[in-house]
Each structure stands twice: as C-alpha cells, then as structure tokens.
Amino acid sequence: MKNNPTPPLAGRRALVTGAARGIGAAIALKLAEDGADVAITYERSADKAEALVAEIRRMGRKAIAIQADAASPDAAKAAVERTVADLGGLDILVNNAGVLFAGDFSSQPLDEIDLQLNVNVRGVFLITQAALKHIPDGGRIISTGSNAGLAVPFAGIAVYAATKSALESFTRGLARELGPREITVNLVRPGPIDTDMNPADGALAPAILPSLSIPRYGRTREVAEAVAFLAGPGAGYITGSGILVDGGISA
C-alpha cells in the first residue's frame, strides 16, 4: 500500500487578497489543495468569502476570511497581523485584489482613475510592506499582473494597463532586494479570464477574441495553477519574472 505523498505546500501559510470570487478564489483553493493554510481578504462579498473558507476547511486546512479595503494602510496591516495570529505565520503573499474600469481615457472620471491606482498599485505596496515584517527567508510574493502590463492589445484600458505595468517594475526591484533572503517575487499575467470583472460574454469580448491564439477566454483555475507553481518548491530559482496565462494574446 502506497503512502500519500506530502503536498508541496504542507506547513505553509498563505494570504490571498481579493479572494472571495474569481481568480482569487481559485488561487486560494489551489494553494489549499497543495497543502497550505489560507487567509483571504474580501471587501464586500462576505457570503462568498465564508463559503470559500468553509470549503477550504473541509480539506483539513486552516482558513480565515478578513474584510479589508485593499487601498487602506490600516486594513493592510490588520489583515497581515490577523493572518499571522490565526495561521501561526505567513510564508506566501498573493497580491490578487484589483479593479478594472474600461473606457475612453479622455473622459474617464477621476474616481475611477484613483481607485485603479489605489487598489492595483498602492494597495500592493502597502500589504507587501506589512507582510515583509513576517515572511521568513525562502518565502514567496506573487502578484496578479496582466498581459496588458507588457503590451496593450486594444483601446479602453490605458489606466488599468499603466497600473499593471507598475507591478512589473515593482516585482523586478523587490526581487533584487529580497534575493539574498531567497524570497522570490514574481507575477502571473492573466489575459482574458472569464470572471465577473471581464466575462466571456461581456462588452470587451468582441475586441479580445480575434486576438487570441487559443480562441476562448481562460479559466480561473488555469491562473491558479501558475500561482501554485510559483509558490511551490520547484520555483525557488525563479524571481523578478512572470508567467503569461493569456491564451497567446501576447504572442
């Protein structure tokens, strides 16, 4: 009789921001499947967050849901402190919380511009800085970027693309700082993934689908698999880099 192999993330503690649904929820589930205890943050979707936590606990993992505004310095610090207190530490940070407002930049409202900057960029800075007080040598920091952070394949997402481009430089710079501690810092770069933010039958789809090599929207699980690889022991020599999960839209 064969013994079950030890999961690759057994004993690790992860915090995934913006994980009540969509890509974040898929990432949290995959990390738990791979053996990690998982904390998630959410802003409004409390019922979905608690349902996800219950599903993770059924796997035999610890799990907690933390209500947090991704742009708030106090909320970022509190989410990290709660994770450390309840899970006993923090080894993996996944910066997934993000917002997208599509539209003509010339008439885009200031509140939409500010929210994308505050959540997609400032929020990542804040929670990463708070987490670094706890992440041990050999830890992992992974952010959800975008294929649009490298090239912008269609109009209407100038500000969003700029925020994701900022994460490219932040990832490279932080990888340089944390390399001596063997803390890796990487990105996943989703392309069009079927989520509430960008549904496969949504307004952006007609512009997106002709540009894809694989002629469909991606699945959230496909992004989660890339995150789990970067979080795992096989990615210890990958840092300051990223994985495109974009159906070939960037090819």
C-alpha atoms as a PDB file:
ATOM      1  CA  MET A   1       0.000   0.000   0.000  1.00  0.00           C
ATOM      2  CA  LYS A   2       1.461   3.341  -1.091  1.00  0.00           C
ATOM      3  CA  ASN A   3       1.579   6.294   1.270  1.00  0.00           C
ATOM      4  CA  ASN A   4       0.066   9.519   0.028  1.00  0.00           C
ATOM      5  CA  PRO A   5       2.832  11.971  -0.936  1.00  0.00           C
ATOM      6  CA  THR A   6       3.293  15.085   1.180  1.00  0.00           C
ATOM      7  CA  PRO A   7       1.601  18.043  -0.533  1.00  0.00           C
ATOM      8  CA  PRO A   8       4.134  20.553  -1.903  1.00  0.00           C
ATOM      9  CA  LEU A   9       2.884  23.401   0.307  1.00  0.00           C
ATOM     10  CA  ALA A  10       2.325  21.428   3.502  1.00  0.00           C
ATOM     11  CA  GLY A  11       3.023  23.572   6.543  1.00  0.00           C
ATOM     12  CA  ARG A  12       2.971  26.832   4.592  1.00  0.00           C
ATOM     13  CA  ARG A  13       0.715  29.771   5.414  1.00  0.00           C
ATOM     14  CA  ALA A  14      -0.708  31.915   2.598  1.00  0.00           C
ATOM     15  CA  LEU A  15      -2.575  35.220   2.365  1.00  0.00           C
ATOM     16  CA  VAL A  16      -4.515  35.870  -0.849  1.00  0.00           C
ATOM     17  CA  THR A  17      -6.048  39.328  -1.290  1.00  0.00           C
ATOM     18  CA  GLY A  18      -9.309  39.891  -3.115  1.00  0.00           C
ATOM     19  CA  ALA A  19     -10.159  36.201  -2.988  1.00  0.00           C
ATOM     20  CA  ALA A  20     -13.895  35.908  -2.369  1.00  0.00           C
ATOM     21  CA  ARG A  21     -14.517  35.044  -6.013  1.00  0.00           C
ATOM     22  CA  GLY A  22     -12.973  34.758  -9.462  1.00  0.00           C
ATOM     23  CA  ILE A  23      -9.226  34.329  -9.851  1.00  0.00           C
ATOM     24  CA  GLY A  24      -8.541  34.942  -6.160  1.00  0.00           C
ATOM     25  CA  ALA A  25     -10.928  32.211  -5.029  1.00  0.00           C
ATOM     26  CA  ALA A  26      -9.399  29.759  -7.486  1.00  0.00           C
ATOM     27  CA  ILE A  27      -5.909  30.606  -6.191  1.00  0.00           C
ATOM     28  CA  ALA A  28      -6.944  30.126  -2.565  1.00  0.00           C
ATOM     29  CA  LEU A  29      -8.477  26.738  -3.339  1.00  0.00           C
ATOM     30  CA  LYS A  30      -5.448  25.551  -5.287  1.00  0.00           C
ATOM     31  CA  LEU A  31      -2.999  26.589  -2.563  1.00  0.00           C
ATOM     32  CA  ALA A  32      -5.134  24.736  -0.025  1.00  0.00           C
ATOM     33  CA  GLU A  33      -5.233  21.664  -2.246  1.00  0.00           C
ATOM     34  CA  ASP A  34      -1.440  21.806  -2.317  1.00  0.00           C
ATOM     35  CA  GLY A  35      -1.318  21.773   1.482  1.00  0.00           C
ATOM     36  CA  ALA A  36      -1.277  25.425   2.591  1.00  0.00           C
ATOM     37  CA  ASP A  37      -3.387  27.033   5.277  1.00  0.00           C
ATOM     38  CA  VAL A  38      -5.023  30.081   3.696  1.00  0.00           C
ATOM     39  CA  ALA A  39      -6.269  33.520   4.734  1.00  0.00           C
ATOM     40  CA  ILE A  40      -8.271  35.535   2.227  1.00  0.00           C
ATOM     41  CA  THR A  41      -9.352  39.151   2.141  1.00  0.00           C
ATOM     42  CA  TYR A  42     -12.552  40.478   0.657  1.00  0.00           C
ATOM     43  CA  GLU A  43     -14.252  43.862   0.545  1.00  0.00           C
ATOM     44  CA  ARG A  44     -17.993  43.243   0.104  1.00  0.00           C
ATOM     45  CA  SER A  45     -18.681  39.590  -0.794  1.00  0.00           C
ATOM     46  CA  ALA A  46     -18.875  38.253   2.774  1.00  0.00           C
ATOM     47  CA  ASP A  47     -21.141  35.304   1.962  1.00  0.00           C
ATOM     48  CA  LYS A  48     -18.884  34.106  -0.850  1.00  0.00           C
ATOM     49  CA  ALA A  49     -15.792  34.558   1.309  1.00  0.00           C
ATOM     50  CA  GLU A  50     -17.246  32.496   4.143  1.00  0.00           C
ATOM     51  CA  ALA A  51     -18.371  29.783   1.724  1.00  0.00           C
ATOM     52  CA  LEU A  52     -14.840  29.580   0.336  1.00  0.00           C
ATOM     53  CA  VAL A  53     -13.364  29.368   3.831  1.00  0.00           C
ATOM     54  CA  ALA A  54     -15.751  26.538   4.664  1.00  0.00           C
ATOM     55  CA  GLU A  55     -14.697  24.663   1.515  1.00  0.00           C
ATOM     56  CA  ILE A  56     -11.010  25.017   2.420  1.00  0.00           C
ATOM     57  CA  ARG A  57     -11.648  23.834   5.974  1.00  0.00           C
ATOM     58  CA  ARG A  58     -13.333  20.702   4.596  1.00  0.00           C
ATOM     59  CA  MET A  59      -9.959  19.861   3.047  1.00  0.00           C
ATOM     60  CA  GLY A  60      -8.487  19.809   6.543  1.00  0.00           C
ATOM     61  CA  ARG A  61      -6.717  23.164   6.219  1.00  0.00           C
ATOM     62  CA  LYS A  62      -6.965  26.233   8.394  1.00  0.00           C
ATOM     63  CA  ALA A  63      -8.753  29.108   6.669  1.00  0.00           C
ATOM     64  CA  ILE A  64      -9.987  32.575   7.599  1.00  0.00           C
ATOM     65  CA  ALA A  65     -11.739  35.416   5.773  1.00  0.00           C
ATOM     66  CA  ILE A  66     -10.792  39.025   6.577  1.00  0.00           C
ATOM     67  CA  GLN A  67     -12.830  42.029   5.479  1.00  0.00           C
ATOM     68  CA  ALA A  68     -10.376  44.637   4.175  1.00  0.00           C
ATOM     69  CA  ASP A  69     -10.273  47.657   1.886  1.00  0.00           C
ATOM     70  CA  ALA A  70      -7.354  46.912  -0.421  1.00  0.00           C
ATOM     71  CA  ALA A  71      -6.369  50.597  -0.575  1.00  0.00           C
ATOM     72  CA  SER A  72      -6.272  51.195   3.185  1.00  0.00           C
ATOM     73  CA  PRO A  73      -2.924  51.170   5.039  1.00  0.00           C
ATOM     74  CA  ASP A  74      -4.640  50.235   8.306  1.00  0.00           C
ATOM     75  CA  ALA A  75      -6.586  47.411   6.676  1.00  0.00           C
ATOM     76  CA  ALA A  76      -3.439  46.041   5.024  1.00  0.00           C
ATOM     77  CA  LYS A  77      -1.565  45.924   8.325  1.00  0.00           C
ATOM     78  CA  ALA A  78      -4.553  44.426  10.140  1.00  0.00           C
ATOM     79  CA  ALA A  79      -5.025  41.703   7.511  1.00  0.00           C
ATOM     80  CA  VAL A  80      -1.403  40.646   7.799  1.00  0.00           C
ATOM     81  CA  GLU A  81      -1.464  40.687  11.601  1.00  0.00           C
ATOM     82  CA  ARG A  82      -4.673  38.639  11.685  1.00  0.00           C
ATOM     83  CA  THR A  83      -3.200  36.111   9.267  1.00  0.00           C
ATOM     84  CA  VAL A  84      -0.080  35.690  11.370  1.00  0.00           C
ATOM     85  CA  ALA A  85      -2.076  35.383  14.581  1.00  0.00           C
ATOM     86  CA  ASP A  86      -4.608  32.847  13.268  1.00  0.00           C
ATOM     87  CA  LEU A  87      -2.407  30.764  10.989  1.00  0.00           C
ATOM     88  CA  GLY A  88       0.787  30.987  13.031  1.00  0.00           C
ATOM     89  CA  GLY A  89       2.849  32.799  10.414  1.00  0.00           C
ATOM     90  CA  LEU A  90       2.969  33.929   6.808  1.00  0.00           C
ATOM     91  CA  ASP A  91       5.051  32.303   4.075  1.00  0.00           C
ATOM     92  CA  ILE A  92       3.218  33.177   0.849  1.00  0.00           C
ATOM     93  CA  LEU A  93       1.625  36.500  -0.111  1.00  0.00           C
ATOM     94  CA  VAL A  94      -0.543  36.627  -3.224  1.00  0.00           C
ATOM     95  CA  ASN A  95      -1.463  40.187  -4.229  1.00  0.00           C
ATOM     96  CA  ASN A  96      -4.578  39.487  -6.227  1.00  0.00           C
ATOM     97  CA  ALA A  97      -7.005  42.308  -5.359  1.00  0.00           C
ATOM     98  CA  GLY A  98      -7.593  44.529  -8.362  1.00  0.00           C
ATOM     99  CA  VAL A  99     -10.135  46.659 -10.184  1.00  0.00           C
ATOM    100  CA  LEU A 100     -10.709  47.494 -13.842  1.00  0.00           C
ATOM    101  CA  PHE A 101     -12.709  50.339 -15.378  1.00  0.00           C
ATOM    102  CA  ALA A 102     -12.727  50.308 -19.160  1.00  0.00           C
ATOM    103  CA  GLY A 103     -13.448  53.409 -21.199  1.00  0.00           C
ATOM    104  CA  ASP A 104     -12.068  56.364 -23.105  1.00  0.00           C
ATOM    105  CA  PHE A 105      -9.330  57.959 -21.001  1.00  0.00           C
ATOM    106  CA  SER A 106     -10.207  61.455 -22.232  1.00  0.00           C
ATOM    107  CA  SER A 107     -13.479  61.283 -20.315  1.00  0.00           C
ATOM    108  CA  GLN A 108     -12.659  58.816 -17.558  1.00  0.00           C
ATOM    109  CA  PRO A 109     -13.856  60.045 -14.129  1.00  0.00           C
ATOM    110  CA  LEU A 110     -11.184  60.860 -11.571  1.00  0.00           C
ATOM    111  CA  ASP A 111     -12.684  58.449  -9.044  1.00  0.00           C
ATOM    112  CA  GLU A 112     -12.197  55.557 -11.477  1.00  0.00           C
ATOM    113  CA  ILE A 113      -8.597  56.592 -12.130  1.00  0.00           C
ATOM    114  CA  ASP A 114      -7.863  56.959  -8.408  1.00  0.00           C
ATOM    115  CA  LEU A 115      -9.442  53.649  -7.450  1.00  0.00           C
ATOM    116  CA  GLN A 116      -7.400  51.720 -10.013  1.00  0.00           C
ATOM    117  CA  LEU A 117      -4.190  53.388  -8.818  1.00  0.00           C
ATOM    118  CA  ASN A 118      -5.029  52.923  -5.141  1.00  0.00           C
ATOM    119  CA  VAL A 119      -6.050  49.274  -5.325  1.00  0.00           C
ATOM    120  CA  ASN A 120      -3.876  47.930  -8.140  1.00  0.00           C
ATOM    121  CA  VAL A 121      -0.640  49.710  -7.188  1.00  0.00           C
ATOM    122  CA  ARG A 122      -0.730  51.415  -3.797  1.00  0.00           C
ATOM    123  CA  GLY A 123      -2.602  48.525  -2.206  1.00  0.00           C
ATOM    124  CA  VAL A 124       0.031  46.052  -3.394  1.00  0.00           C
ATOM    125  CA  PHE A 125       2.789  48.227  -1.953  1.00  0.00           C
ATOM    126  CA  LEU A 126       1.030  48.570   1.402  1.00  0.00           C
ATOM    127  CA  ILE A 127       0.262  44.934   2.078  1.00  0.00           C
ATOM    128  CA  THR A 128       3.607  43.727   0.750  1.00  0.00           C
ATOM    129  CA  GLN A 129       5.430  46.105   3.072  1.00  0.00           C
ATOM    130  CA  ALA A 130       3.335  44.897   6.017  1.00  0.00           C
ATOM    131  CA  ALA A 131       3.879  41.241   5.091  1.00  0.00           C
ATOM    132  CA  LEU A 132       7.659  41.604   4.839  1.00  0.00           C
ATOM    133  CA  LYS A 133       7.813  42.069   8.594  1.00  0.00           C
ATOM    134  CA  HIS A 134       6.759  38.418   8.887  1.00  0.00           C
ATOM    135  CA  ILE A 135       7.686  36.475   5.733  1.00  0.00           C
ATOM    136  CA  PRO A 136      10.696  34.263   6.509  1.00  0.00           C
ATOM    137  CA  ASP A 137      13.681  33.511   4.304  1.00  0.00           C
ATOM    138  CA  GLY A 138      12.562  31.332   1.406  1.00  0.00           C
ATOM    139  CA  GLY A 139       9.100  32.886   1.284  1.00  0.00           C
ATOM    140  CA  ARG A 140       7.091  33.814  -1.784  1.00  0.00           C
ATOM    141  CA  ILE A 141       5.482  37.032  -3.028  1.00  0.00           C
ATOM    142  CA  ILE A 142       3.300  36.694  -6.114  1.00  0.00           C
ATOM    143  CA  SER A 143       1.206  39.444  -7.691  1.00  0.00           C
ATOM    144  CA  THR A 144      -1.567  39.221 -10.249  1.00  0.00           C
ATOM    145  CA  GLY A 145      -0.403  41.395 -13.107  1.00  0.00           C
ATOM    146  CA  SER A 146      -1.806  41.320 -16.619  1.00  0.00           C
ATOM    147  CA  ASN A 147      -0.748  40.753 -20.179  1.00  0.00           C
ATOM    148  CA  ALA A 148      -1.708  44.435 -20.549  1.00  0.00           C
ATOM    149  CA  GLY A 149       1.209  45.319 -18.310  1.00  0.00           C
ATOM    150  CA  LEU A 150       3.512  44.295 -21.177  1.00  0.00           C
ATOM    151  CA  ALA A 151       1.525  45.352 -24.245  1.00  0.00           C
ATOM    152  CA  VAL A 152      -1.939  46.847 -24.660  1.00  0.00           C
ATOM    153  CA  PRO A 153      -3.806  44.881 -27.330  1.00  0.00           C
ATOM    154  CA  PHE A 154      -6.886  47.108 -27.602  1.00  0.00           C
ATOM    155  CA  ALA A 155      -8.168  50.540 -26.609  1.00  0.00           C
ATOM    156  CA  GLY A 156     -10.051  51.498 -23.484  1.00  0.00           C
ATOM    157  CA  ILE A 157      -7.794  50.225 -20.693  1.00  0.00           C
ATOM    158  CA  ALA A 158      -4.997  52.807 -20.574  1.00  0.00           C
ATOM    159  CA  VAL A 159      -5.099  53.410 -16.809  1.00  0.00           C
ATOM    160  CA  TYR A 160      -5.549  49.738 -15.940  1.00  0.00           C
ATOM    161  CA  ALA A 161      -2.614  48.822 -18.174  1.00  0.00           C
ATOM    162  CA  ALA A 162      -0.488  51.503 -16.525  1.00  0.00           C
ATOM    163  CA  THR A 163      -1.209  50.061 -13.076  1.00  0.00           C
ATOM    164  CA  LYS A 164      -0.222  46.584 -14.174  1.00  0.00           C
ATOM    165  CA  SER A 165       2.922  47.926 -15.844  1.00  0.00           C
ATOM    166  CA  ALA A 166       3.867  49.451 -12.486  1.00  0.00           C
ATOM    167  CA  LEU A 167       3.749  45.980 -10.939  1.00  0.00           C
ATOM    168  CA  GLU A 168       6.297  44.770 -13.500  1.00  0.00           C
ATOM    169  CA  SER A 169       8.920  47.239 -12.252  1.00  0.00           C
ATOM    170  CA  PHE A 170       7.961  46.745  -8.616  1.00  0.00           C
ATOM    171  CA  THR A 171       8.389  42.987  -8.976  1.00  0.00           C
ATOM    172  CA  ARG A 172      11.831  43.304 -10.518  1.00  0.00           C
ATOM    173  CA  GLY A 173      13.011  45.869  -7.995  1.00  0.00           C
ATOM    174  CA  LEU A 174      11.769  43.954  -4.978  1.00  0.00           C
ATOM    175  CA  ALA A 175      13.261  40.721  -6.302  1.00  0.00           C
ATOM    176  CA  ARG A 176      16.661  42.431  -6.214  1.00  0.00           C
ATOM    177  CA  GLU A 177      16.161  43.475  -2.599  1.00  0.00           C
ATOM    178  CA  LEU A 178      14.913  40.132  -1.325  1.00  0.00           C
ATOM    179  CA  GLY A 179      17.107  37.796  -3.351  1.00  0.00           C
ATOM    180  CA  PRO A 180      19.739  37.441  -0.583  1.00  0.00           C
ATOM    181  CA  ARG A 181      16.992  36.011   1.625  1.00  0.00           C
ATOM    182  CA  GLU A 182      15.781  33.678  -1.156  1.00  0.00           C
ATOM    183  CA  ILE A 183      12.350  35.287  -1.011  1.00  0.00           C
ATOM    184  CA  THR A 184      11.139  35.139  -4.593  1.00  0.00           C
ATOM    185  CA  VAL A 185       8.999  37.893  -6.120  1.00  0.00           C
ATOM    186  CA  ASN A 186       7.056  37.131  -9.269  1.00  0.00           C
ATOM    187  CA  LEU A 187       3.955  37.861 -11.312  1.00  0.00           C
ATOM    188  CA  VAL A 188       1.288  35.893 -13.053  1.00  0.00           C
ATOM    189  CA  ARG A 189      -0.030  37.775 -16.062  1.00  0.00           C
ATOM    190  CA  PRO A 190      -3.562  36.686 -16.903  1.00  0.00           C
ATOM    191  CA  GLY A 191      -5.007  37.569 -20.241  1.00  0.00           C
ATOM    192  CA  PRO A 192      -8.769  37.422 -20.784  1.00  0.00           C
ATOM    193  CA  ILE A 193     -10.091  35.189 -17.991  1.00  0.00           C
ATOM    194  CA  ASP A 194     -13.803  34.516 -17.591  1.00  0.00           C
ATOM    195  CA  THR A 195     -14.648  36.416 -14.381  1.00  0.00           C
ATOM    196  CA  ASP A 196     -17.233  38.910 -13.151  1.00  0.00           C
ATOM    197  CA  MET A 197     -14.764  41.708 -13.962  1.00  0.00           C
ATOM    198  CA  ASN A 198     -14.281  40.584 -17.575  1.00  0.00           C
ATOM    199  CA  PRO A 199     -16.877  37.949 -18.528  1.00  0.00           C
ATOM    200  CA  ALA A 200     -16.506  35.865 -21.664  1.00  0.00           C
ATOM    201  CA  ASP A 201     -19.781  37.325 -22.957  1.00  0.00           C
ATOM    202  CA  GLY A 202     -19.046  40.879 -21.807  1.00  0.00           C
ATOM    203  CA  ALA A 203     -18.558  44.171 -23.616  1.00  0.00           C
ATOM    204  CA  LEU A 204     -14.812  43.661 -24.167  1.00  0.00           C
ATOM    205  CA  ALA A 205     -15.125  40.178 -25.664  1.00  0.00           C
ATOM    206  CA  PRO A 206     -15.670  41.194 -29.317  1.00  0.00           C
ATOM    207  CA  ALA A 207     -12.384  43.141 -29.272  1.00  0.00           C
ATOM    208  CA  ILE A 208     -10.485  40.408 -27.442  1.00  0.00           C
ATOM    209  CA  LEU A 209     -11.461  37.111 -29.047  1.00  0.00           C
ATOM    210  CA  PRO A 210      -9.963  37.754 -32.527  1.00  0.00           C
ATOM    211  CA  SER A 211      -6.542  38.383 -30.915  1.00  0.00           C
ATOM    212  CA  LEU A 212      -6.339  35.072 -29.068  1.00  0.00           C
ATOM    213  CA  SER A 213      -4.318  32.103 -30.276  1.00  0.00           C
ATOM    214  CA  ILE A 214      -6.497  29.766 -28.228  1.00  0.00           C
ATOM    215  CA  PRO A 215      -9.941  31.065 -29.231  1.00  0.00           C
ATOM    216  CA  ARG A 216     -11.604  31.200 -25.817  1.00  0.00           C
ATOM    217  CA  TYR A 217     -11.410  33.024 -22.530  1.00  0.00           C
ATOM    218  CA  GLY A 218      -9.216  31.430 -19.886  1.00  0.00           C
ATOM    219  CA  ARG A 219     -10.419  29.676 -16.760  1.00  0.00           C
ATOM    220  CA  THR A 220      -9.619  30.906 -13.267  1.00  0.00           C
ATOM    221  CA  ARG A 221      -8.117  27.522 -12.408  1.00  0.00           C
ATOM    222  CA  GLU A 222      -5.550  27.967 -15.166  1.00  0.00           C
ATOM    223  CA  VAL A 223      -4.259  31.118 -13.468  1.00  0.00           C
ATOM    224  CA  ALA A 224      -4.295  29.395 -10.077  1.00  0.00           C
ATOM    225  CA  GLU A 225      -2.081  26.597 -11.382  1.00  0.00           C
ATOM    226  CA  ALA A 226       0.575  29.146 -12.378  1.00  0.00           C
ATOM    227  CA  VAL A 227       0.426  30.816  -8.962  1.00  0.00           C
ATOM    228  CA  ALA A 228       0.745  27.471  -7.192  1.00  0.00           C
ATOM    229  CA  PHE A 229       3.826  26.633  -9.249  1.00  0.00           C
ATOM    230  CA  LEU A 230       5.495  29.933  -8.317  1.00  0.00           C
ATOM    231  CA  ALA A 231       4.562  29.347  -4.667  1.00  0.00           C
ATOM    232  CA  GLY A 232       5.994  25.843  -4.647  1.00  0.00           C
ATOM    233  CA  PRO A 233       9.409  24.319  -4.084  1.00  0.00           C
ATOM    234  CA  GLY A 234      10.095  23.916  -7.800  1.00  0.00           C
ATOM    235  CA  ALA A 235      10.209  27.683  -8.371  1.00  0.00           C
ATOM    236  CA  GLY A 236      12.911  28.570  -5.884  1.00  0.00           C
ATOM    237  CA  TYR A 237      15.262  29.932  -8.587  1.00  0.00           C
ATOM    238  CA  ILE A 238      12.609  31.991 -10.396  1.00  0.00           C
ATOM    239  CA  THR A 239      12.383  35.612  -9.275  1.00  0.00           C
ATOM    240  CA  GLY A 240      11.800  39.035 -10.796  1.00  0.00           C
ATOM    241  CA  SER A 241       9.866  37.283 -13.529  1.00  0.00           C
ATOM    242  CA  GLY A 242       6.368  36.274 -14.519  1.00  0.00           C
ATOM    243  CA  ILE A 243       4.183  33.761 -16.311  1.00  0.00           C
ATOM    244  CA  LEU A 244       1.771  34.743 -19.057  1.00  0.00           C
ATOM    245  CA  VAL A 245      -1.557  32.904 -18.841  1.00  0.00           C
ATOM    246  CA  ASP A 246      -3.184  34.666 -21.756  1.00  0.00           C
ATOM    247  CA  GLY A 247      -4.205  32.244 -24.477  1.00  0.00           C
ATOM    248  CA  GLY A 248      -1.482  33.615 -26.747  1.00  0.00           C
ATOM    249  CA  ILE A 249      -2.869  37.141 -26.979  1.00  0.00           C
ATOM    250  CA  SER A 250       0.680  38.408 -26.408  1.00  0.00           C
ATOM    251  CA  ALA A 251       2.290  36.075 -28.949  1.00  0.00           C
END
